[in-house]
Every structure is written in C-alpha cells, then in structure tokens.
Amino acid sequence: DVRVRRAVAYAIDRRKLIASVMHGSGTLHDGPV
C-alpha cells in the first residue's frame, strides 16, 4: 500500500539524521538521479 510507504517517508527525520549520525556531512534530495 503506497500509504504505508509514504508514511515511512514522513516518519523519518532526515535532517536530524544528517546532523546526528552524519555530523552534517549529507544533503537532502528526493528522486532517483
């Protein structure tokens, strides 16, 4: 169900992930290319 997949996307705080795990060494980008 696409609603479950989209819920997973909404549930992950990617900015915090980049700041905490990656120490800022990452960028946000949606899309495959």
PDB file of all heavy atoms in Angstrom:
ATOM      1  N   ASP A   1       0.851  -1.191   0.000  1.00  0.00           N
ATOM      2  CA  ASP A   1       0.000   0.000   0.000  1.00  0.00           C
ATOM      3  C   ASP A   1       0.887   1.241   0.000  1.00  0.00           C
ATOM      4  O   ASP A   1       1.732   1.413   0.881  1.00  0.00           O
ATOM      5  CB  ASP A   1      -0.894  -0.026   1.248  1.00  0.00           C
ATOM      6  CG  ASP A   1      -1.972   1.041   1.247  1.00  0.00           C
ATOM      7  OD1 ASP A   1      -1.747   2.131   0.677  1.00  0.00           O
ATOM      8  OD2 ASP A   1      -3.040   0.806   1.844  1.00  0.00           O
ATOM      9  N   VAL A   2       0.680   2.128  -0.975  1.00  0.00           N
ATOM     10  CA  VAL A   2       1.509   3.332  -1.067  1.00  0.00           C
ATOM     11  C   VAL A   2       1.385   4.191   0.183  1.00  0.00           C
ATOM     12  O   VAL A   2       2.315   4.930   0.543  1.00  0.00           O
ATOM     13  CB  VAL A   2       1.153   4.139  -2.335  1.00  0.00           C
ATOM     14  CG1 VAL A   2      -0.247   4.751  -2.232  1.00  0.00           C
ATOM     15  CG2 VAL A   2       2.189   5.227  -2.603  1.00  0.00           C
ATOM     16  N   ARG A   3       0.260   4.091   0.904  1.00  0.00           N
ATOM     17  CA  ARG A   3       0.109   4.878   2.124  1.00  0.00           C
ATOM     18  C   ARG A   3       1.111   4.443   3.189  1.00  0.00           C
ATOM     19  O   ARG A   3       1.609   5.278   3.962  1.00  0.00           O
ATOM     20  CB  ARG A   3      -1.332   4.773   2.646  1.00  0.00           C
ATOM     21  CG  ARG A   3      -2.360   5.447   1.743  1.00  0.00           C
ATOM     22  CD  ARG A   3      -3.773   5.151   2.175  1.00  0.00           C
ATOM     23  NE  ARG A   3      -4.117   3.744   2.007  1.00  0.00           N
ATOM     24  CZ  ARG A   3      -5.332   3.236   2.211  1.00  0.00           C
ATOM     25  NH1 ARG A   3      -6.332   4.040   2.592  1.00  0.00           N
ATOM     26  NH2 ARG A   3      -5.573   1.942   2.023  1.00  0.00           N
ATOM     27  N   VAL A   4       1.411   3.168   3.247  1.00  0.00           N
ATOM     28  CA  VAL A   4       2.416   2.686   4.200  1.00  0.00           C
ATOM     29  C   VAL A   4       3.801   3.180   3.791  1.00  0.00           C
ATOM     30  O   VAL A   4       4.587   3.646   4.633  1.00  0.00           O
ATOM     31  CB  VAL A   4       2.383   1.150   4.291  1.00  0.00           C
ATOM     32  CG1 VAL A   4       3.530   0.634   5.166  1.00  0.00           C
ATOM     33  CG2 VAL A   4       1.038   0.675   4.833  1.00  0.00           C
ATOM     34  N   ARG A   5       4.113   3.086   2.496  1.00  0.00           N
ATOM     35  CA  ARG A   5       5.430   3.537   2.037  1.00  0.00           C
ATOM     36  C   ARG A   5       5.601   5.042   2.274  1.00  0.00           C
ATOM     37  O   ARG A   5       6.658   5.495   2.743  1.00  0.00           O
ATOM     38  CB  ARG A   5       5.609   3.211   0.549  1.00  0.00           C
ATOM     39  CG  ARG A   5       5.519   1.720   0.235  1.00  0.00           C
ATOM     40  CD  ARG A   5       6.027   1.387  -1.152  1.00  0.00           C
ATOM     41  NE  ARG A   5       5.292   2.027  -2.216  1.00  0.00           N
ATOM     42  CZ  ARG A   5       4.192   1.533  -2.786  1.00  0.00           C
ATOM     43  NH1 ARG A   5       3.678   0.380  -2.356  1.00  0.00           N
ATOM     44  NH2 ARG A   5       3.591   2.170  -3.784  1.00  0.00           N
ATOM     45  N   ARG A   6       4.557   5.811   1.988  1.00  0.00           N
ATOM     46  CA  ARG A   6       4.659   7.252   2.201  1.00  0.00           C
ATOM     47  C   ARG A   6       4.731   7.583   3.694  1.00  0.00           C
ATOM     48  O   ARG A   6       5.414   8.526   4.101  1.00  0.00           O
ATOM     49  CB  ARG A   6       3.495   7.973   1.537  1.00  0.00           C
ATOM     50  CG  ARG A   6       3.741   9.476   1.393  1.00  0.00           C
ATOM     51  CD  ARG A   6       2.679  10.150   0.559  1.00  0.00           C
ATOM     52  NE  ARG A   6       2.645   9.713  -0.825  1.00  0.00           N
ATOM     53  CZ  ARG A   6       3.518  10.122  -1.737  1.00  0.00           C
ATOM     54  NH1 ARG A   6       4.481  10.979  -1.425  1.00  0.00           N
ATOM     55  NH2 ARG A   6       3.425   9.683  -2.981  1.00  0.00           N
ATOM     56  N   ALA A   7       4.053   6.803   4.510  1.00  0.00           N
ATOM     57  CA  ALA A   7       4.132   7.011   5.960  1.00  0.00           C
ATOM     58  C   ALA A   7       5.557   6.816   6.465  1.00  0.00           C
ATOM     59  O   ALA A   7       6.036   7.568   7.325  1.00  0.00           O
ATOM     60  CB  ALA A   7       3.179   6.058   6.681  1.00  0.00           C
ATOM     61  N   VAL A   8       6.243   5.811   5.926  1.00  0.00           N
ATOM     62  CA  VAL A   8       7.646   5.595   6.294  1.00  0.00           C
ATOM     63  C   VAL A   8       8.471   6.829   5.933  1.00  0.00           C
ATOM     64  O   VAL A   8       9.308   7.297   6.719  1.00  0.00           O
ATOM     65  CB  VAL A   8       8.202   4.339   5.613  1.00  0.00           C
ATOM     66  CG1 VAL A   8       9.718   4.248   5.776  1.00  0.00           C
ATOM     67  CG2 VAL A   8       7.528   3.087   6.166  1.00  0.00           C
ATOM     68  N   ALA A   9       8.231   7.375   4.743  1.00  0.00           N
ATOM     69  CA  ALA A   9       8.985   8.564   4.316  1.00  0.00           C
ATOM     70  C   ALA A   9       8.723   9.746   5.247  1.00  0.00           C
ATOM     71  O   ALA A   9       9.651  10.469   5.628  1.00  0.00           O
ATOM     72  CB  ALA A   9       8.614   8.919   2.883  1.00  0.00           C
ATOM     73  N   TYR A  10       7.467   9.971   5.613  1.00  0.00           N
ATOM     74  CA  TYR A  10       7.136  11.075   6.509  1.00  0.00           C
ATOM     75  C   TYR A  10       7.708  10.871   7.916  1.00  0.00           C
ATOM     76  O   TYR A  10       8.001  11.836   8.629  1.00  0.00           O
ATOM     77  CB  TYR A  10       5.611  11.224   6.626  1.00  0.00           C
ATOM     78  CG  TYR A  10       4.955  12.002   5.519  1.00  0.00           C
ATOM     79  CD1 TYR A  10       3.859  11.457   4.826  1.00  0.00           C
ATOM     80  CD2 TYR A  10       5.387  13.277   5.170  1.00  0.00           C
ATOM     81  CE1 TYR A  10       3.231  12.165   3.804  1.00  0.00           C
ATOM     82  CE2 TYR A  10       4.765  13.990   4.145  1.00  0.00           C
ATOM     83  CZ  TYR A  10       3.692  13.430   3.478  1.00  0.00           C
ATOM     84  OH  TYR A  10       3.075  14.133   2.477  1.00  0.00           O
ATOM     85  N   ALA A  11       7.851   9.605   8.339  1.00  0.00           N
ATOM     86  CA  ALA A  11       8.211   9.307   9.732  1.00  0.00           C
ATOM     87  C   ALA A  11       9.683   9.507  10.041  1.00  0.00           C
ATOM     88  O   ALA A  11      10.060   9.565  11.224  1.00  0.00           O
ATOM     89  CB  ALA A  11       7.813   7.868  10.062  1.00  0.00           C
ATOM     90  N   ILE A  12      10.537   9.612   9.012  1.00  0.00           N
ATOM     91  CA  ILE A  12      11.984   9.671   9.250  1.00  0.00           C
ATOM     92  C   ILE A  12      12.450  11.124   9.230  1.00  0.00           C
ATOM     93  O   ILE A  12      12.296  11.825   8.216  1.00  0.00           O
ATOM     94  CB  ILE A  12      12.739   8.840   8.196  1.00  0.00           C
ATOM     95  CG1 ILE A  12      12.268   7.380   8.245  1.00  0.00           C
ATOM     96  CG2 ILE A  12      14.249   8.909   8.436  1.00  0.00           C
ATOM     97  CD1 ILE A  12      12.801   6.524   7.118  1.00  0.00           C
ATOM     98  N   ASP A  13      13.036  11.557  10.320  1.00  0.00           N
ATOM     99  CA  ASP A  13      13.555  12.925  10.441  1.00  0.00           C
ATOM    100  C   ASP A  13      14.945  12.970   9.805  1.00  0.00           C
ATOM    101  O   ASP A  13      15.973  12.860  10.479  1.00  0.00           O
ATOM    102  CB  ASP A  13      13.616  13.331  11.914  1.00  0.00           C
ATOM    103  CG  ASP A  13      13.937  14.806  12.110  1.00  0.00           C
ATOM    104  OD1 ASP A  13      14.326  15.467  11.123  1.00  0.00           O
ATOM    105  OD2 ASP A  13      13.816  15.292  13.254  1.00  0.00           O
ATOM    106  N   ARG A  14      14.966  13.152   8.516  1.00  0.00           N
ATOM    107  CA  ARG A  14      16.230  13.054   7.780  1.00  0.00           C
ATOM    108  C   ARG A  14      17.186  14.194   8.114  1.00  0.00           C
ATOM    109  O   ARG A  14      18.407  14.006   8.106  1.00  0.00           O
ATOM    110  CB  ARG A  14      15.953  12.991   6.273  1.00  0.00           C
ATOM    111  CG  ARG A  14      15.217  11.717   5.870  1.00  0.00           C
ATOM    112  CD  ARG A  14      15.014  11.633   4.373  1.00  0.00           C
ATOM    113  NE  ARG A  14      14.090  12.637   3.887  1.00  0.00           N
ATOM    114  CZ  ARG A  14      13.953  12.957   2.601  1.00  0.00           C
ATOM    115  NH1 ARG A  14      14.698  12.355   1.676  1.00  0.00           N
ATOM    116  NH2 ARG A  14      13.076  13.868   2.218  1.00  0.00           N
ATOM    117  N   ARG A  15      16.666  15.373   8.406  1.00  0.00           N
ATOM    118  CA  ARG A  15      17.562  16.470   8.800  1.00  0.00           C
ATOM    119  C   ARG A  15      18.293  16.144  10.093  1.00  0.00           C
ATOM    120  O   ARG A  15      19.493  16.385  10.221  1.00  0.00           O
ATOM    121  CB  ARG A  15      16.765  17.771   8.937  1.00  0.00           C
ATOM    122  CG  ARG A  15      16.185  18.278   7.631  1.00  0.00           C
ATOM    123  CD  ARG A  15      15.565  19.657   7.772  1.00  0.00           C
ATOM    124  NE  ARG A  15      14.847  20.032   6.566  1.00  0.00           N
ATOM    125  CZ  ARG A  15      15.426  20.545   5.475  1.00  0.00           C
ATOM    126  NH1 ARG A  15      16.726  20.748   5.470  1.00  0.00           N
ATOM    127  NH2 ARG A  15      14.703  20.837   4.412  1.00  0.00           N
ATOM    128  N   LYS A  16      17.578  15.582  11.048  1.00  0.00           N
ATOM    129  CA  LYS A  16      18.215  15.197  12.313  1.00  0.00           C
ATOM    130  C   LYS A  16      19.187  14.043  12.090  1.00  0.00           C
ATOM    131  O   LYS A  16      20.266  13.987  12.708  1.00  0.00           O
ATOM    132  CB  LYS A  16      17.156  14.807  13.334  1.00  0.00           C
ATOM    133  CG  LYS A  16      17.722  14.510  14.715  1.00  0.00           C
ATOM    134  CD  LYS A  16      16.605  14.235  15.718  1.00  0.00           C
ATOM    135  CE  LYS A  16      17.192  13.928  17.103  1.00  0.00           C
ATOM    136  NZ  LYS A  16      16.106  13.645  18.093  1.00  0.00           N
ATOM    137  N   LEU A  17      18.817  13.125  11.207  1.00  0.00           N
ATOM    138  CA  LEU A  17      19.708  12.005  10.876  1.00  0.00           C
ATOM    139  C   LEU A  17      21.026  12.522  10.330  1.00  0.00           C
ATOM    140  O   LEU A  17      22.113  12.076  10.737  1.00  0.00           O
ATOM    141  CB  LEU A  17      19.020  11.094   9.860  1.00  0.00           C
ATOM    142  CG  LEU A  17      19.835   9.957   9.243  1.00  0.00           C
ATOM    143  CD1 LEU A  17      20.327   9.006  10.317  1.00  0.00           C
ATOM    144  CD2 LEU A  17      18.995   9.204   8.202  1.00  0.00           C
ATOM    145  N   ILE A  18      20.967  13.487   9.405  1.00  0.00           N
ATOM    146  CA  ILE A  18      22.189  14.060   8.834  1.00  0.00           C
ATOM    147  C   ILE A  18      23.001  14.773   9.903  1.00  0.00           C
ATOM    148  O   ILE A  18      24.228  14.643   9.959  1.00  0.00           O
ATOM    149  CB  ILE A  18      21.837  15.010   7.678  1.00  0.00           C
ATOM    150  CG1 ILE A  18      21.298  14.220   6.478  1.00  0.00           C
ATOM    151  CG2 ILE A  18      23.053  15.842   7.253  1.00  0.00           C
ATOM    152  CD1 ILE A  18      20.699  15.081   5.389  1.00  0.00           C
ATOM    153  N   ALA A  19      22.317  15.506  10.768  1.00  0.00           N
ATOM    154  CA  ALA A  19      23.022  16.272  11.800  1.00  0.00           C
ATOM    155  C   ALA A  19      23.658  15.368  12.851  1.00  0.00           C
ATOM    156  O   ALA A  19      24.787  15.609  13.294  1.00  0.00           O
ATOM    157  CB  ALA A  19      22.061  17.254  12.473  1.00  0.00           C
ATOM    158  N   SER A  20      22.967  14.304  13.256  1.00  0.00           N
ATOM    159  CA  SER A  20      23.448  13.489  14.372  1.00  0.00           C
ATOM    160  C   SER A  20      24.363  12.355  13.924  1.00  0.00           C
ATOM    161  O   SER A  20      25.491  12.231  14.422  1.00  0.00           O
ATOM    162  CB  SER A  20      22.261  12.917  15.150  1.00  0.00           C
ATOM    163  OG  SER A  20      21.428  12.133  14.310  1.00  0.00           O
ATOM    164  N   VAL A  21      23.915  11.553  12.974  1.00  0.00           N
ATOM    165  CA  VAL A  21      24.711  10.404  12.535  1.00  0.00           C
ATOM    166  C   VAL A  21      25.807  10.827  11.565  1.00  0.00           C
ATOM    167  O   VAL A  21      26.952  10.377  11.662  1.00  0.00           O
ATOM    168  CB  VAL A  21      23.807   9.337  11.882  1.00  0.00           C
ATOM    169  CG1 VAL A  21      24.649   8.214  11.279  1.00  0.00           C
ATOM    170  CG2 VAL A  21      22.835   8.771  12.911  1.00  0.00           C
ATOM    171  N   MET A  22      25.474  11.735  10.636  1.00  0.00           N
ATOM    172  CA  MET A  22      26.419  12.125   9.599  1.00  0.00           C
ATOM    173  C   MET A  22      27.224  13.370   9.957  1.00  0.00           C
ATOM    174  O   MET A  22      28.050  13.820   9.162  1.00  0.00           O
ATOM    175  CB  MET A  22      25.670  12.381   8.286  1.00  0.00           C
ATOM    176  CG  MET A  22      24.817  11.212   7.829  1.00  0.00           C
ATOM    177  SD  MET A  22      25.753   9.686   7.702  1.00  0.00           S
ATOM    178  CE  MET A  22      26.874  10.109   6.396  1.00  0.00           C
ATOM    179  N   HIS A  23      26.978  13.950  11.139  1.00  0.00           N
ATOM    180  CA  HIS A  23      27.705  15.142  11.578  1.00  0.00           C
ATOM    181  C   HIS A  23      27.641  16.255  10.534  1.00  0.00           C
ATOM    182  O   HIS A  23      28.613  16.990  10.333  1.00  0.00           O
ATOM    183  CB  HIS A  23      29.159  14.790  11.891  1.00  0.00           C
ATOM    184  CG  HIS A  23      29.313  13.626  12.826  1.00  0.00           C
ATOM    185  ND1 HIS A  23      28.914  13.676  14.151  1.00  0.00           N
ATOM    186  CD2 HIS A  23      29.782  12.372  12.625  1.00  0.00           C
ATOM    187  CE1 HIS A  23      29.146  12.488  14.723  1.00  0.00           C
ATOM    188  NE2 HIS A  23      29.675  11.685  13.811  1.00  0.00           N
ATOM    189  N   GLY A  24      26.485  16.353   9.878  1.00  0.00           N
ATOM    190  CA  GLY A  24      26.281  17.410   8.903  1.00  0.00           C
ATOM    191  C   GLY A  24      26.799  17.113   7.513  1.00  0.00           C
ATOM    192  O   GLY A  24      26.602  17.926   6.599  1.00  0.00           O
ATOM    193  N   SER A  25      27.454  15.975   7.308  1.00  0.00           N
ATOM    194  CA  SER A  25      28.062  15.666   6.009  1.00  0.00           C
ATOM    195  C   SER A  25      27.083  14.913   5.111  1.00  0.00           C
ATOM    196  O   SER A  25      27.305  13.765   4.722  1.00  0.00           O
ATOM    197  CB  SER A  25      29.346  14.846   6.204  1.00  0.00           C
ATOM    198  OG  SER A  25      30.321  15.596   6.859  1.00  0.00           O
ATOM    199  N   GLY A  26      25.977  15.573   4.796  1.00  0.00           N
ATOM    200  CA  GLY A  26      24.993  14.985   3.920  1.00  0.00           C
ATOM    201  C   GLY A  26      24.006  16.038   3.467  1.00  0.00           C
ATOM    202  O   GLY A  26      23.928  17.128   4.055  1.00  0.00           O
ATOM    203  N   THR A  27      23.258  15.744   2.425  1.00  0.00           N
ATOM    204  CA  THR A  27      22.255  16.667   1.918  1.00  0.00           C
ATOM    205  C   THR A  27      20.959  15.908   1.664  1.00  0.00           C
ATOM    206  O   THR A  27      20.958  14.693   1.492  1.00  0.00           O
ATOM    207  CB  THR A  27      22.709  17.350   0.607  1.00  0.00           C
ATOM    208  OG1 THR A  27      22.993  16.336  -0.369  1.00  0.00           O
ATOM    209  CG2 THR A  27      23.954  18.179   0.834  1.00  0.00           C
ATOM    210  N   LEU A  28      19.848  16.647   1.644  1.00  0.00           N
ATOM    211  CA  LEU A  28      18.549  16.056   1.360  1.00  0.00           C
ATOM    212  C   LEU A  28      18.269  16.133  -0.132  1.00  0.00           C
ATOM    213  O   LEU A  28      18.521  17.152  -0.770  1.00  0.00           O
ATOM    214  CB  LEU A  28      17.448  16.792   2.123  1.00  0.00           C
ATOM    215  CG  LEU A  28      17.437  16.629   3.639  1.00  0.00           C
ATOM    216  CD1 LEU A  28      16.251  17.380   4.234  1.00  0.00           C
ATOM    217  CD2 LEU A  28      17.377  15.164   4.033  1.00  0.00           C
ATOM    218  N   HIS A  29      17.721  15.060  -0.662  1.00  0.00           N
ATOM    219  CA  HIS A  29      17.427  15.015  -2.096  1.00  0.00           C
ATOM    220  C   HIS A  29      16.440  13.896  -2.342  1.00  0.00           C
ATOM    221  O   HIS A  29      16.690  12.747  -1.960  1.00  0.00           O
ATOM    222  CB  HIS A  29      18.719  14.768  -2.885  1.00  0.00           C
ATOM    223  CG  HIS A  29      18.503  14.421  -4.323  1.00  0.00           C
ATOM    224  ND1 HIS A  29      18.001  15.319  -5.232  1.00  0.00           N
ATOM    225  CD2 HIS A  29      18.711  13.265  -5.022  1.00  0.00           C
ATOM    226  CE1 HIS A  29      17.933  14.746  -6.428  1.00  0.00           C
ATOM    227  NE2 HIS A  29      18.347  13.496  -6.316  1.00  0.00           N
ATOM    228  N   ASP A  30      15.288  14.202  -2.904  1.00  0.00           N
ATOM    229  CA  ASP A  30      14.339  13.177  -3.314  1.00  0.00           C
ATOM    230  C   ASP A  30      14.498  12.936  -4.809  1.00  0.00           C
ATOM    231  O   ASP A  30      14.847  13.843  -5.563  1.00  0.00           O
ATOM    232  CB  ASP A  30      12.905  13.612  -3.026  1.00  0.00           C
ATOM    233  CG  ASP A  30      12.568  13.536  -1.538  1.00  0.00           C
ATOM    234  OD1 ASP A  30      13.349  12.921  -0.786  1.00  0.00           O
ATOM    235  OD2 ASP A  30      11.523  14.086  -1.137  1.00  0.00           O
ATOM    236  N   GLY A  31      14.217  11.736  -5.226  1.00  0.00           N
ATOM    237  CA  GLY A  31      14.341  11.415  -6.638  1.00  0.00           C
ATOM    238  C   GLY A  31      15.495  10.469  -6.873  1.00  0.00           C
ATOM    239  O   GLY A  31      16.428  10.383  -6.077  1.00  0.00           O
ATOM    240  N   PRO A  32      15.468   9.758  -8.009  1.00  0.00           N
ATOM    241  CA  PRO A  32      16.423   8.675  -8.242  1.00  0.00           C
ATOM    242  C   PRO A  32      17.723   9.075  -8.900  1.00  0.00           C
ATOM    243  O   PRO A  32      18.625   8.259  -9.016  1.00  0.00           O
ATOM    244  CB  PRO A  32      15.636   7.749  -9.174  1.00  0.00           C
ATOM    245  CG  PRO A  32      14.791   8.693  -9.983  1.00  0.00           C
ATOM    246  CD  PRO A  32      14.418   9.804  -9.041  1.00  0.00           C
ATOM    247  N   VAL A  33      17.843  10.321  -9.396  1.00  0.00           N
ATOM    248  CA  VAL A  33      19.017  10.650 -10.195  1.00  0.00           C
ATOM    249  C   VAL A  33      19.952  11.588  -9.457  1.00  0.00           C
ATOM    250  O   VAL A  33      19.584  12.228  -8.469  1.00  0.00           O
ATOM    251  CB  VAL A  33      18.642  11.272 -11.562  1.00  0.00           C
ATOM    252  CG1 VAL A  33      17.736  10.339 -12.326  1.00  0.00           C
ATOM    253  CG2 VAL A  33      17.985  12.630 -11.395  1.00  0.00           C
TER     254      VAL A  33
END
